Amino acid sequence: MKTNNDGQWIRFSNRSFSIALLSVTLGLAGLAGCEREGPGETAGKKVDQAAENAAVKYEDAKASMGEKAAQAGEYMDDVAITGKIKMGILGDPMLKVLQINVTTANGVVTLSGVVDSRQSLDRALDIARQVPAVKSVENGLVVK
């Protein structure tokens, strides 16, 4: 029982007591329910996980594209080197009539084919070595 401000005892009816007890019980049950995840929390976790997975895949794709771009850049450099060497060979009166093959991989040039003299062989090697970005020249030329 409880007292009022004048010190008199206040009686609760059974109905008031039942309502108070029910309120406390429902309140405690509501707090216990807070620990369980509802559909909103589950959906939120799934969205967060999907966003995390997408971020990882984006970073992987970005890295892969960077590698592909670097490879494409190297390939374009090799194509330019090969083109410059071929133009140099075709522009040289001593070499333009000869069949000289030029390939380039990662800045390394390979010359192959048949030339008519040691002088022609040396001239082809010089033309290849003078092109910027050539790292080295491998000689596969044969004097006939």
Protein backbone atom coordinates (compact mmCIF):
# COMPACT_ATOMS: atom_id res chain seq x y z
CA MET A 1 0.00 0.00 0.00
CA LYS A 2 0.93 3.56 -0.45
CA THR A 3 0.38 6.71 1.62
CA ASN A 4 -0.77 10.09 0.36
CA ASN A 5 0.67 13.49 1.35
CA ASP A 6 -1.35 13.54 4.57
CA GLY A 7 0.05 10.18 5.69
CA GLN A 8 -3.17 8.28 5.00
CA TRP A 9 -3.06 4.90 3.37
CA ILE A 10 -4.31 4.62 -0.22
CA ARG A 11 -5.80 1.37 -1.36
CA PHE A 12 -5.42 0.03 -4.86
CA SER A 13 -8.29 -1.90 -6.24
CA ASN A 14 -7.67 -5.29 -7.78
CA ARG A 15 -8.41 -3.79 -11.17
CA SER A 16 -5.81 -1.02 -10.73
CA PHE A 17 -3.30 -3.54 -9.51
CA SER A 18 -3.98 -5.79 -12.52
CA ILE A 19 -3.59 -2.89 -14.93
CA ALA A 20 -0.30 -1.82 -13.33
CA LEU A 21 1.01 -5.37 -13.39
CA LEU A 22 -0.01 -5.79 -17.04
CA SER A 23 1.72 -2.52 -17.95
CA VAL A 24 4.97 -3.56 -16.27
CA THR A 25 4.83 -7.00 -17.92
CA LEU A 26 4.22 -5.54 -21.39
CA GLY A 27 6.99 -3.01 -20.87
CA LEU A 28 9.46 -5.75 -19.94
CA ALA A 29 8.32 -7.88 -22.88
CA GLY A 30 8.84 -4.91 -25.19
CA LEU A 31 12.39 -4.46 -23.92
CA ALA A 32 13.11 -8.14 -24.42
CA GLY A 33 11.79 -7.84 -27.99
CA CYS A 34 14.31 -5.11 -28.73
CA GLU A 35 17.06 -7.72 -28.71
CA ARG A 36 15.50 -9.61 -31.63
CA GLU A 37 15.95 -8.29 -35.14
CA GLY A 38 12.90 -7.31 -37.06
CA PRO A 39 12.55 -7.30 -40.85
CA GLY A 40 13.87 -3.72 -41.02
CA GLU A 41 17.11 -4.53 -39.20
CA THR A 42 17.63 -7.67 -41.30
CA ALA A 43 17.07 -5.74 -44.52
CA GLY A 44 19.42 -3.01 -43.31
CA LYS A 45 22.17 -5.53 -42.63
CA LYS A 46 21.70 -7.05 -46.07
CA VAL A 47 21.93 -3.62 -47.71
CA ASP A 48 25.10 -2.84 -45.74
CA GLN A 49 26.63 -6.17 -46.75
CA ALA A 50 25.71 -5.64 -50.41
CA ALA A 51 27.26 -2.16 -50.33
CA GLU A 52 30.43 -3.57 -48.79
CA ASN A 53 30.63 -6.30 -51.47
CA ALA A 54 30.04 -3.74 -54.22
CA ALA A 55 32.85 -1.55 -52.86
CA VAL A 56 35.26 -4.48 -52.86
CA LYS A 57 34.28 -5.44 -56.41
CA TYR A 58 34.64 -1.82 -57.52
CA GLU A 59 38.17 -1.63 -56.11
CA ASP A 60 39.07 -4.94 -57.78
CA ALA A 61 37.71 -3.74 -61.12
CA LYS A 62 39.51 -0.43 -60.76
CA ALA A 63 42.83 -2.21 -60.13
CA SER A 64 42.23 -4.55 -63.06
CA MET A 65 41.44 -1.62 -65.35
CA GLY A 66 44.62 0.11 -64.24
CA GLU A 67 46.63 -2.99 -65.13
CA LYS A 68 44.87 -3.29 -68.50
CA ALA A 69 45.51 0.38 -69.25
CA ALA A 70 49.19 -0.04 -68.43
CA GLN A 71 49.40 -3.09 -70.70
CA ALA A 72 47.63 -1.22 -73.48
CA GLY A 73 50.03 1.69 -73.04
CA GLU A 74 53.03 -0.63 -73.28
CA TYR A 75 51.57 -2.26 -76.38
CA MET A 76 51.03 1.15 -78.00
CA ASP A 77 54.62 2.12 -77.15
CA ASP A 78 55.86 -1.08 -78.81
CA VAL A 79 53.73 -0.43 -81.90
CA ALA A 80 55.13 3.11 -82.16
CA ILE A 81 58.71 1.86 -81.79
CA THR A 82 58.18 -0.78 -84.49
CA GLY A 83 56.63 1.80 -86.81
CA LYS A 84 59.49 4.28 -86.35
CA ILE A 85 62.11 1.61 -87.05
CA LYS A 86 60.28 0.39 -90.16
CA MET A 87 60.02 3.97 -91.43
CA GLY A 88 63.75 4.44 -90.81
CA ILE A 89 64.58 1.26 -92.71
CA LEU A 90 62.29 2.16 -95.64
CA GLY A 91 63.73 5.68 -95.72
CA ASP A 92 67.31 4.42 -95.97
CA PRO A 93 68.42 3.91 -99.61
CA MET A 94 70.69 1.01 -98.60
CA LEU A 95 67.97 -0.91 -96.70
CA LYS A 96 64.65 -0.11 -98.39
CA VAL A 97 64.99 -2.95 -100.92
CA LEU A 98 65.72 -5.55 -98.23
CA GLN A 99 63.21 -7.69 -96.34
CA ILE A 100 63.82 -6.86 -92.66
CA ASN A 101 61.23 -7.89 -90.08
CA VAL A 102 60.86 -5.78 -86.94
CA THR A 103 59.10 -6.86 -83.74
CA THR A 104 59.02 -5.08 -80.40
CA ALA A 105 58.02 -6.41 -76.98
CA ASN A 106 58.35 -4.24 -73.87
CA GLY A 107 60.85 -1.98 -75.61
CA VAL A 108 63.07 -4.85 -76.77
CA VAL A 109 63.39 -4.83 -80.58
CA THR A 110 64.14 -7.93 -82.61
CA LEU A 111 65.35 -7.56 -86.20
CA SER A 112 65.17 -10.64 -88.44
CA GLY A 113 65.55 -11.40 -92.11
CA VAL A 114 68.29 -11.51 -94.72
CA VAL A 115 70.57 -8.61 -95.67
CA ASP A 116 73.14 -8.39 -98.46
CA SER A 117 76.16 -7.13 -96.46
CA ARG A 118 77.60 -6.57 -93.03
CA GLN A 119 77.26 -2.84 -93.70
CA SER A 120 73.47 -3.26 -94.22
CA LEU A 121 73.22 -5.30 -91.02
CA ASP A 122 75.08 -2.61 -89.01
CA ARG A 123 72.95 0.16 -90.55
CA ALA A 124 69.68 -1.61 -89.60
CA LEU A 125 70.92 -2.09 -86.03
CA ASP A 126 71.90 1.61 -85.81
CA ILE A 127 68.47 2.74 -87.04
CA ALA A 128 66.77 0.57 -84.39
CA ARG A 129 69.04 1.76 -81.58
CA GLN A 130 68.41 5.45 -82.39
CA VAL A 131 64.65 5.24 -81.78
CA PRO A 132 63.66 6.66 -78.38
CA ALA A 133 62.25 4.18 -75.84
CA VAL A 134 64.18 1.22 -77.32
CA LYS A 135 65.67 -0.68 -74.38
CA SER A 136 67.74 -3.10 -76.45
CA VAL A 137 68.05 -4.55 -79.95
CA GLU A 138 68.37 -8.26 -80.64
CA ASN A 139 69.97 -9.14 -83.94
CA GLY A 140 68.40 -11.96 -85.91
CA LEU A 141 69.62 -10.69 -89.29
CA VAL A 142 71.63 -12.97 -91.55
CA VAL A 143 74.07 -11.81 -94.25
CA LYS A 144 73.55 -13.78 -97.48
